[in-house]
Structure formats: structure tokens, C-alpha cells
Amino acid sequence: MPALDGVKVLDLSRVLAGPWCTQSLADLGAEVWKIESLSGDDTRTWSPPEIGGESTYFLCCNRTKSSIAIDLKQPEGQQLIRDLASKADVLVENFKLGTMERFGLGYDKLSALNPRLIYCAISGYGRTGPRRQEPGYDFAIQAESGLMSITGEVDGEPMKLGVAITDICAGMNATQSILAAIIARHTTGKGQFIDIALLDGAVALLANVASGYLATGKTPTRFGNAHPTVVPYQIFKTADTSIALAVGNDRQFSDLCKKVLDCPELATDERFKTNRSRGINREVLIPILEKHFLRFSTAEVIAALRSSEIPVGEVRDVPSALNSPEVVEREMVVKVSDRLHGELKLGGSPLALRGTPVAKPTAPPRLGEHTREVLQRVLNIGGGELAKLEASKTVFQSPRT
């Protein structure tokens, strides 16, 4: 049985950070009620790429959820949310500061109805501080956090990561916080408010780069694909393609020189014997290593490196990565049944719990696909009342096709 079996999540978030969090909770077995406006989550229109007119961006973070379409601007819609919140264990939202309060759905109001409710608010800059009113977008957060300043070629422009990493990081931080709050609730009997900021998570991602600056006062710079501290730790061209080499200690460097590249003199050179000396003399060492790697094909050098237990990776494109044996074996690509497409391929969950395995994934829902089913089952709303709510455009039920 999944770890969160029986936990009910009221998901009022959209785009990526919140949905990434609630998808993780769904993977762990929670029942997730994805509340959407009658026009749907923004990402339903983010295409291309698409499949059958449906955005693949939406598909990436909404598996294993139920979609309920409710107009939160209508009093009847707000009451439905209050009723669902009274039944929920967790609520996740990423509205602009003050929006939920204007709807009468802020933490103070909902926690009074349900003291056990864990209420997680995700925003760009947090619910406190001088920029709490501003919306937050990954690109701006990557820039403002310092992440872009350390990403990219040495002499090039600051560069963002190829995915919205600060959204995904915020989603992960939200998931961790919610799980901690669930554990705490066993002791206190009460829920709590959780304040997750994209900027906080992005600054935390600076990790060793931040600690280096805080300790020395020296402004970090870009190293391209190289590592600021560990050498050699970068891309090297071979006779045919490229490899990603990650020499993490002095033993590995010695074996690289003696067993792989057949240049044992480098291993005993005082300029290169230790990682510190290699870091200081990287401008001398790297060109020498580059010449040696060009003597081998990628297949040859990877085989030699792996036999010597030196970390190395192929530089793959996305199709090669997703179709690799190790990714397939770990079920990081899953197939789910879908009533429109027959079958969909989706990213799998990275959460691997042996005792409480993740839930079997289901296809991301169409807009309002589960409106009637959830409102009838959870709130005991009858068919006549549902018909009135649909007629007044308070809720929407997608047609079954």
C-alpha cells in the first residue's frame, strides 16, 4: 500500500511548482483533487509540443490526479472549496498574495473549519518580505538567485538551465515540508501553514558556491562544463564524440593517468598530484589531458574508465537518455492507458520505496473530467444540485469522449 494512502489533497495550484508537488503526493498514494478554473490550468494551452492537441507540458506534472473545474469567483464555487477543504488533509495553492483571502479561502478561515488542514502556499518571493506581492517566474528567479551567473561558458552570457529548475525545486521543497507537517500532526493533532518561495529554493541550490563566497568574499565565476573545485571534472572530446569525466579524488586521477591514458608521469607530477594542486594548475593540466583523450574513441575510453571505477558518462541527447537500459529498467518512463490516445508514455516517479511502493500512475485528467464524481462522492451533492451548478457555470464537467 502506498505511504499516503487515505490522504486527501486539495490542489488549487497551476503551471509547474504546485502541480509538481501534488503529483509527488499522488505518486505516494494521496488522492489529489486538482481544482481548475473553467478555462483550465494555464499549461493546458502551452504548446507545441502537443499530442492530439493536448499540451505535453501539462502532461509532465499532472498524472494520477482528478480534475474538478470550479469558478472560484462565484460564491457557490468558493463554498464548494470550503466544503472540500473541510474534508482534506492538505491544501496547495500558488495564487498571488491576498487572492485566497479575497475569496474567503485563506489559511485563517480554512483552518478554523478544519484545524488539521496543512496549508501550503507557493510563491516567487514568499508570503513575507519586500517583494511578497510580486508574481514569480522561473526565468527571473534563476537570474536573481545567482544561478545564471554561474551557468554557461566562461566568456559567454549567463545561462539558464534547460528546464524550470526553480519551479521543480520549489515543488520538491513543498513536498518535503508537507510530509514533515503530516508527521508533526501525529503529535500535535493540528495542521499548519507552509510558506514556500521559489527564490529561497534557488538560493539554497547555490550550495557549495554560496558557502565559498560566504567564507572568502570572492565572487564566484562561470566554469562552463568544468567544476569550480574538482579537477578534472568536465567534458572532453574523444576521437569521435565526447564524454563527461568526473574525477572525484586523487586515486581516481592516478588511475586515469596510469591505467587509461598511459601517461603515468602526470600522476606523480607535483603540479597535479592532489586535487588542490590540480585546481591551481588546471590551465596547464586540461590541455594535456585533452590531447590524450583525442587518441581514443568514446567507446574505448568509457570502457577503460569504467573498468578502473572512474566516473564517466556519455553525452546523450534526450531520446538516447530516455531509451537507455538503465532508465528503462528503473521505470522512469511509464505507459498509461488513456481513453483518447489509447496509451501515453509519461515520465515516471523517482520515488522508490520498497515497503510502500508508489501508486500505479494514471493518465493526466481532461479539464473537469472528475467534477461530478468527486463532488457526489466527497460532498454528497445530488444530481439535481449538480445540474444547477453546471447550468450557472459554477462548475464544469468534461464530456466523456
Protein backbone atom coordinates (compact mmCIF):
# COMPACT_ATOMS: atom_id res chain seq x y z
CA MET A 1 0.00 0.00 0.00
CA PRO A 2 1.39 3.46 -0.87
CA ALA A 3 2.60 5.56 2.07
CA LEU A 4 -0.02 8.31 1.70
CA ASP A 5 -3.00 6.05 1.08
CA GLY A 6 -6.06 7.81 2.53
CA VAL A 7 -4.52 11.29 2.48
CA LYS A 8 -6.64 13.81 0.55
CA VAL A 9 -5.04 16.78 -1.20
CA LEU A 10 -6.93 19.85 -2.39
CA ASP A 11 -4.77 21.21 -5.20
CA LEU A 12 -5.51 24.80 -6.20
CA SER A 13 -2.14 25.28 -7.89
CA ARG A 14 -1.30 25.55 -11.55
CA VAL A 15 1.63 25.68 -14.01
CA LEU A 16 4.59 23.75 -12.51
CA ALA A 17 5.79 24.22 -8.90
CA GLY A 18 2.50 23.36 -7.19
CA PRO A 19 1.48 20.64 -9.64
CA TRP A 20 4.95 19.06 -9.31
CA CYS A 21 4.43 18.89 -5.56
CA THR A 22 0.93 17.44 -5.77
CA GLN A 23 1.98 14.93 -8.43
CA SER A 24 4.63 13.67 -6.00
CA LEU A 25 1.97 13.35 -3.31
CA ALA A 26 -0.22 11.44 -5.79
CA ASP A 27 2.71 9.15 -6.58
CA LEU A 28 2.93 8.42 -2.86
CA GLY A 29 -0.72 7.40 -2.82
CA ALA A 30 -2.62 10.56 -1.91
CA GLU A 31 -5.96 11.30 -3.58
CA VAL A 32 -5.41 14.63 -5.35
CA TRP A 33 -8.34 16.86 -6.31
CA LYS A 34 -6.96 19.23 -8.92
CA ILE A 35 -9.15 22.33 -8.88
CA GLU A 36 -9.08 24.22 -12.19
CA SER A 37 -10.83 27.29 -13.49
CA LEU A 38 -13.41 26.67 -16.19
CA SER A 39 -10.72 27.55 -18.76
CA GLY A 40 -8.23 25.18 -17.15
CA ASP A 41 -4.65 25.18 -15.90
CA ASP A 42 -2.51 27.65 -17.89
CA THR A 43 -0.26 24.86 -19.14
CA ARG A 44 -3.13 23.16 -20.98
CA THR A 45 -2.50 25.79 -23.70
CA TRP A 46 1.32 25.70 -23.60
CA SER A 47 2.25 24.07 -26.89
CA PRO A 48 3.94 22.88 -29.02
CA PRO A 49 4.88 20.16 -28.39
CA GLU A 50 1.49 18.55 -28.16
CA ILE A 51 -0.24 15.25 -28.76
CA GLY A 52 -3.66 15.28 -30.35
CA GLY A 53 -3.95 18.97 -29.49
CA GLU A 54 -3.09 18.42 -25.82
CA SER A 55 -0.07 20.12 -24.24
CA THR A 56 2.75 17.80 -23.26
CA TYR A 57 3.79 20.41 -20.66
CA PHE A 58 0.54 19.76 -18.79
CA LEU A 59 1.13 16.02 -19.05
CA CYS A 60 4.51 16.25 -17.28
CA CYS A 61 3.15 17.20 -13.86
CA ASN A 62 -0.49 16.09 -13.59
CA ARG A 63 -0.58 12.30 -13.69
CA THR A 64 -2.67 10.39 -11.18
CA LYS A 65 -4.98 13.31 -10.30
CA SER A 66 -8.68 14.09 -10.55
CA SER A 67 -9.72 17.33 -12.28
CA ILE A 68 -12.63 19.36 -10.86
CA ALA A 69 -13.47 22.58 -12.73
CA ILE A 70 -14.85 25.27 -10.40
CA ASP A 71 -15.26 29.02 -10.87
CA LEU A 72 -13.70 30.46 -7.70
CA LYS A 73 -15.08 33.92 -8.46
CA GLN A 74 -18.60 32.76 -7.77
CA PRO A 75 -19.79 32.47 -4.14
CA GLU A 76 -21.12 28.98 -4.82
CA GLY A 77 -17.70 27.95 -6.14
CA GLN A 78 -15.98 29.35 -3.06
CA GLN A 79 -18.36 27.39 -0.86
CA LEU A 80 -17.51 24.20 -2.71
CA ILE A 81 -13.82 24.80 -1.94
CA ARG A 82 -14.61 25.39 1.73
CA ASP A 83 -16.57 22.15 1.80
CA LEU A 84 -13.73 20.23 0.12
CA ALA A 85 -11.17 21.83 2.46
CA SER A 86 -13.14 20.56 5.43
CA LYS A 87 -12.58 17.04 4.09
CA ALA A 88 -8.94 17.49 3.01
CA ASP A 89 -5.66 16.82 4.78
CA VAL A 90 -3.55 19.14 2.62
CA LEU A 91 -4.20 22.22 0.52
CA VAL A 92 -1.67 23.55 -2.01
CA GLU A 93 -2.08 26.92 -3.76
CA ASN A 94 0.12 29.35 -5.68
CA PHE A 95 -2.13 32.37 -6.09
CA LYS A 96 -0.82 35.90 -5.71
CA LEU A 97 -0.75 37.16 -2.12
CA GLY A 98 -4.24 38.14 -0.94
CA THR A 99 -6.20 36.31 -3.65
CA MET A 100 -7.26 33.39 -1.48
CA GLU A 101 -8.18 35.78 1.32
CA ARG A 102 -10.43 37.77 -1.05
CA PHE A 103 -12.18 34.52 -1.91
CA GLY A 104 -12.64 33.75 1.79
CA LEU A 105 -10.28 30.81 1.37
CA GLY A 106 -7.20 31.96 3.28
CA TYR A 107 -5.46 29.86 5.89
CA ASP A 108 -7.14 31.54 8.86
CA LYS A 109 -10.64 30.84 7.52
CA LEU A 110 -9.98 27.30 6.33
CA SER A 111 -8.00 26.22 9.41
CA ALA A 112 -10.94 27.35 11.55
CA LEU A 113 -13.13 24.93 9.57
CA ASN A 114 -10.51 22.17 9.62
CA PRO A 115 -7.80 22.55 12.28
CA ARG A 116 -5.95 19.51 10.87
CA LEU A 117 -5.54 21.14 7.46
CA ILE A 118 -1.96 21.55 6.21
CA TYR A 119 -1.98 24.64 4.01
CA CYS A 120 0.97 25.12 1.63
CA ALA A 121 1.33 28.42 -0.23
CA ILE A 122 3.91 28.56 -3.03
CA SER A 123 5.05 31.89 -4.45
CA GLY A 124 8.00 33.57 -6.12
CA TYR A 125 9.31 35.54 -3.14
CA GLY A 126 7.41 34.12 -0.17
CA ARG A 127 4.50 35.48 1.88
CA THR A 128 6.79 37.83 3.83
CA GLY A 129 9.44 40.32 2.74
CA PRO A 130 9.54 43.38 0.48
CA ARG A 131 8.58 41.55 -2.72
CA ARG A 132 5.81 39.34 -1.36
CA GLN A 133 3.23 40.96 -3.69
CA GLU A 134 5.15 40.15 -6.88
CA PRO A 135 4.50 37.10 -9.06
CA GLY A 136 7.48 34.81 -9.51
CA TYR A 137 8.65 33.22 -12.75
CA ASP A 138 11.43 30.67 -13.07
CA PHE A 139 13.49 32.65 -15.59
CA ALA A 140 13.57 35.73 -13.40
CA ILE A 141 14.26 33.66 -10.29
CA GLN A 142 17.16 31.86 -11.97
CA ALA A 143 18.60 35.27 -12.82
CA GLU A 144 18.04 36.87 -9.43
CA SER A 145 19.22 33.94 -7.35
CA GLY A 146 22.70 33.93 -8.88
CA LEU A 147 22.20 30.56 -10.61
CA MET A 148 22.54 32.05 -14.09
CA SER A 149 25.74 33.87 -13.13
CA ILE A 150 27.48 30.53 -12.54
CA THR A 151 25.94 28.73 -15.53
CA GLY A 152 27.21 28.99 -19.11
CA GLU A 153 30.50 29.28 -20.92
CA VAL A 154 33.35 31.09 -19.19
CA ASP A 155 33.31 34.00 -21.63
CA GLY A 156 29.64 33.71 -22.60
CA GLU A 157 26.37 35.15 -21.34
CA PRO A 158 24.80 33.94 -18.09
CA MET A 159 22.63 30.95 -18.99
CA LYS A 160 19.50 29.37 -17.57
CA LEU A 161 19.06 25.66 -17.11
CA GLY A 162 17.06 23.93 -19.85
CA VAL A 163 14.11 23.20 -17.54
CA ALA A 164 12.33 25.40 -15.00
CA ILE A 165 14.57 24.18 -12.21
CA THR A 166 13.44 26.72 -9.58
CA ASP A 167 9.81 25.63 -10.02
CA ILE A 168 10.76 21.97 -9.71
CA CYS A 169 12.94 22.71 -6.67
CA ALA A 170 10.05 24.62 -5.05
CA GLY A 171 7.76 21.66 -5.74
CA MET A 172 10.23 19.31 -4.07
CA ASN A 173 10.63 21.64 -1.08
CA ALA A 174 6.86 21.87 -0.77
CA THR A 175 6.57 18.07 -0.82
CA GLN A 176 9.22 17.68 1.89
CA SER A 177 7.54 20.32 4.05
CA ILE A 178 4.10 18.74 3.67
CA LEU A 179 5.41 15.30 4.61
CA ALA A 180 7.10 16.81 7.68
CA ALA A 181 3.83 18.56 8.61
CA ILE A 182 1.93 15.27 8.29
CA ILE A 183 4.39 13.66 10.71
CA ALA A 184 4.14 16.63 13.09
CA ARG A 185 0.34 16.41 13.01
CA HIS A 186 0.52 12.94 14.55
CA THR A 187 1.97 14.62 17.65
CA THR A 188 0.13 17.95 17.72
CA GLY A 189 -3.17 16.93 16.16
CA LYS A 190 -3.07 20.17 14.16
CA GLY A 191 -2.14 21.28 10.68
CA GLN A 192 -0.01 24.31 9.90
CA PHE A 193 0.81 26.97 7.32
CA ILE A 194 3.73 26.34 4.96
CA ASP A 195 5.36 29.23 3.06
CA ILE A 196 7.45 28.07 0.07
CA ALA A 197 9.32 30.60 -2.10
CA LEU A 198 10.96 29.87 -5.45
CA LEU A 199 13.73 32.32 -4.58
CA ASP A 200 14.51 30.55 -1.29
CA GLY A 201 14.92 27.23 -3.04
CA ALA A 202 17.01 28.72 -5.84
CA VAL A 203 19.39 30.39 -3.37
CA ALA A 204 19.70 27.09 -1.49
CA LEU A 205 20.69 25.43 -4.79
CA LEU A 206 23.85 27.53 -4.79
CA ALA A 207 25.13 25.05 -2.19
CA ASN A 208 28.95 24.94 -2.15
CA VAL A 209 29.17 28.02 -4.40
CA ALA A 210 27.32 30.05 -1.78
CA SER A 211 29.45 28.71 1.07
CA GLY A 212 32.60 29.53 -0.89
CA TYR A 213 31.54 33.14 -1.28
CA LEU A 214 30.32 33.46 2.30
CA ALA A 215 33.64 32.15 3.62
CA THR A 216 36.03 34.04 1.33
CA GLY A 217 34.13 37.05 -0.01
CA LYS A 218 35.24 36.15 -3.54
CA THR A 219 32.61 36.44 -6.28
CA PRO A 220 32.08 33.04 -7.97
CA THR A 221 32.52 32.87 -11.74
CA ARG A 222 31.40 30.56 -14.52
CA PHE A 223 33.42 27.48 -15.41
CA GLY A 224 31.33 26.23 -18.33
CA ASN A 225 31.12 22.45 -18.03
CA ALA A 226 34.05 22.37 -15.61
CA HIS A 227 33.85 22.25 -11.82
CA PRO A 228 34.99 25.23 -9.74
CA THR A 229 36.75 22.98 -7.20
CA VAL A 230 37.25 19.44 -8.55
CA VAL A 231 39.69 18.85 -11.45
CA PRO A 232 39.42 17.21 -13.96
CA TYR A 233 35.63 17.32 -13.91
CA GLN A 234 34.30 18.39 -17.31
CA ILE A 235 33.56 17.47 -20.93
CA PHE A 236 36.40 16.03 -23.00
CA LYS A 237 36.33 15.41 -26.74
CA THR A 238 37.30 11.96 -27.95
CA ALA A 239 38.23 10.82 -31.43
CA ASP A 240 34.54 10.59 -32.37
CA THR A 241 32.24 12.28 -29.79
CA SER A 242 32.54 13.50 -26.19
CA ILE A 243 32.46 12.21 -22.62
CA ALA A 244 31.62 13.73 -19.25
CA LEU A 245 34.50 12.88 -16.90
CA ALA A 246 34.14 13.27 -13.13
CA VAL A 247 37.41 12.55 -11.32
CA GLY A 248 36.46 12.93 -7.68
CA ASN A 249 39.66 12.08 -5.82
CA ASP A 250 43.41 11.59 -6.14
CA ARG A 251 43.20 7.81 -6.51
CA GLN A 252 40.92 8.21 -9.49
CA PHE A 253 43.28 10.74 -11.07
CA SER A 254 46.24 8.42 -10.61
CA ASP A 255 44.34 5.53 -12.22
CA LEU A 256 43.21 7.80 -15.05
CA CYS A 257 46.82 8.62 -15.90
CA LYS A 258 48.31 5.16 -15.34
CA LYS A 259 45.56 2.76 -16.45
CA VAL A 260 43.52 4.69 -19.01
CA LEU A 261 45.58 7.37 -20.74
CA ASP A 262 49.01 5.74 -20.38
CA CYS A 263 50.69 8.88 -19.08
CA PRO A 264 51.89 7.83 -15.59
CA GLU A 265 54.20 10.84 -15.32
CA LEU A 266 51.18 13.11 -14.81
CA ALA A 267 50.13 11.16 -11.72
CA THR A 268 53.43 11.89 -9.97
CA ASP A 269 53.85 15.47 -11.17
CA GLU A 270 53.77 17.73 -8.10
CA ARG A 271 51.57 20.17 -10.01
CA PHE A 272 48.83 17.55 -10.37
CA LYS A 273 49.19 15.01 -7.52
CA THR A 274 46.42 16.47 -5.35
CA ASN A 275 43.06 17.95 -6.20
CA ARG A 276 44.15 21.28 -4.74
CA SER A 277 47.24 21.39 -6.92
CA ARG A 278 45.22 20.34 -9.96
CA GLY A 279 42.76 23.14 -9.26
CA ILE A 280 45.55 25.68 -9.05
CA ASN A 281 47.19 24.37 -12.23
CA ARG A 282 44.08 23.48 -14.25
CA GLU A 283 45.12 25.77 -17.13
CA VAL A 284 48.25 23.61 -17.61
CA LEU A 285 46.68 20.21 -16.99
CA ILE A 286 43.50 20.37 -19.06
CA PRO A 287 45.16 20.95 -22.48
CA ILE A 288 47.44 17.97 -21.81
CA LEU A 289 44.51 15.72 -20.96
CA GLU A 290 42.57 16.96 -23.99
CA LYS A 291 45.32 15.74 -26.32
CA HIS A 292 45.39 12.32 -24.67
CA PHE A 293 41.61 11.80 -24.88
CA LEU A 294 41.66 12.50 -28.63
CA ARG A 295 43.64 9.28 -29.07
CA PHE A 296 40.62 7.15 -28.13
CA SER A 297 37.08 6.59 -29.33
CA THR A 298 34.29 7.25 -26.87
CA ALA A 299 33.51 3.53 -26.57
CA GLU A 300 37.15 2.69 -25.86
CA VAL A 301 37.73 5.33 -23.23
CA ILE A 302 34.41 4.75 -21.46
CA ALA A 303 35.16 1.02 -21.20
CA ALA A 304 38.60 1.74 -19.77
CA LEU A 305 37.31 4.34 -17.32
CA ARG A 306 34.52 2.12 -16.06
CA SER A 307 36.86 -0.84 -15.59
CA SER A 308 39.05 1.44 -13.47
CA GLU A 309 36.00 2.68 -11.50
CA ILE A 310 36.41 6.26 -12.64
CA PRO A 311 33.07 8.09 -13.02
CA VAL A 312 32.19 8.86 -16.63
CA GLY A 313 29.09 9.41 -18.70
CA GLU A 314 28.15 9.60 -22.33
CA VAL A 315 26.91 12.97 -23.52
CA ARG A 316 23.43 11.90 -24.61
CA ASP A 317 20.53 13.68 -26.22
CA VAL A 318 17.08 13.32 -24.64
CA PRO A 319 15.92 10.36 -26.79
CA SER A 320 19.12 8.45 -26.01
CA ALA A 321 18.71 9.12 -22.29
CA LEU A 322 15.04 8.11 -22.12
CA ASN A 323 15.65 4.93 -24.12
CA SER A 324 18.78 3.86 -22.25
CA PRO A 325 18.63 0.48 -20.47
CA GLU A 326 19.25 1.98 -17.04
CA VAL A 327 16.36 4.47 -17.40
CA VAL A 328 14.00 1.81 -18.78
CA GLU A 329 14.94 -0.67 -16.04
CA ARG A 330 14.23 1.89 -13.32
CA GLU A 331 10.78 2.60 -14.84
CA MET A 332 11.48 6.29 -15.33
CA VAL A 333 9.32 6.06 -18.45
CA VAL A 334 5.86 4.60 -17.88
CA LYS A 335 2.97 3.69 -20.15
CA VAL A 336 -0.57 4.52 -19.02
CA SER A 337 -3.94 3.79 -20.59
CA ASP A 338 -5.78 6.82 -21.94
CA ARG A 339 -9.30 6.96 -23.34
CA LEU A 340 -8.38 9.39 -26.14
CA HIS A 341 -4.90 8.29 -27.14
CA GLY A 342 -5.14 4.64 -26.17
CA GLU A 343 -1.77 4.79 -24.45
CA LEU A 344 0.51 7.56 -23.27
CA LYS A 345 4.19 7.50 -22.41
CA LEU A 346 4.97 9.66 -19.38
CA GLY A 347 7.87 10.34 -17.07
CA GLY A 348 7.87 8.00 -14.09
CA SER A 349 8.25 8.73 -10.39
CA PRO A 350 11.80 8.84 -8.99
CA LEU A 351 10.48 7.79 -5.57
CA ALA A 352 11.42 4.15 -4.97
CA LEU A 353 10.07 2.81 -1.67
CA ARG A 354 10.27 -0.96 -1.28
CA GLY A 355 7.84 -1.31 1.62
CA THR A 356 5.26 1.24 0.47
CA PRO A 357 5.65 1.44 -3.31
CA VAL A 358 4.32 4.39 -5.26
CA ALA A 359 0.82 4.29 -6.68
CA LYS A 360 0.23 2.92 -10.15
CA PRO A 361 0.18 6.00 -12.41
CA THR A 362 -2.91 7.06 -14.33
CA ALA A 363 -3.27 9.45 -17.25
CA PRO A 364 -3.42 13.21 -16.58
CA PRO A 365 -7.09 14.24 -16.50
CA ARG A 366 -9.06 16.29 -19.02
CA LEU A 367 -10.44 19.55 -17.71
CA GLY A 368 -13.32 18.83 -15.34
CA GLU A 369 -13.17 15.12 -16.05
CA HIS A 370 -13.97 14.19 -12.43
CA THR A 371 -16.14 17.13 -11.35
CA ARG A 372 -19.36 15.20 -10.87
CA GLU A 373 -17.75 12.07 -9.46
CA VAL A 374 -15.73 13.87 -6.76
CA LEU A 375 -18.48 16.31 -5.73
CA GLN A 376 -21.00 13.49 -5.48
CA ARG A 377 -18.71 11.09 -3.62
CA VAL A 378 -16.94 13.54 -1.29
CA LEU A 379 -19.66 16.16 -0.67
CA ASN A 380 -22.77 14.04 -1.30
CA ILE A 381 -24.09 16.57 -3.83
CA GLY A 382 -27.04 15.15 -5.70
CA GLY A 383 -27.67 15.13 -9.43
CA GLY A 384 -30.20 17.96 -9.33
CA GLU A 385 -27.89 20.32 -7.45
CA LEU A 386 -25.00 19.41 -9.74
CA ALA A 387 -27.15 20.24 -12.76
CA LYS A 388 -27.87 23.68 -11.28
CA LEU A 389 -24.18 24.29 -10.62
CA GLU A 390 -23.35 23.34 -14.19
CA ALA A 391 -26.15 25.50 -15.59
CA SER A 392 -24.90 28.54 -13.64
CA LYS A 393 -21.36 27.83 -14.87
CA THR A 394 -20.11 27.41 -11.34
CA VAL A 395 -18.66 24.03 -12.27
CA PHE A 396 -17.84 22.23 -15.50
CA GLN A 397 -17.86 18.52 -16.35
CA SER A 398 -15.97 17.47 -19.45
CA PRO A 399 -17.88 15.28 -21.87
CA ARG A 400 -16.78 11.64 -21.94
CA THR A 401 -15.31 11.01 -25.38
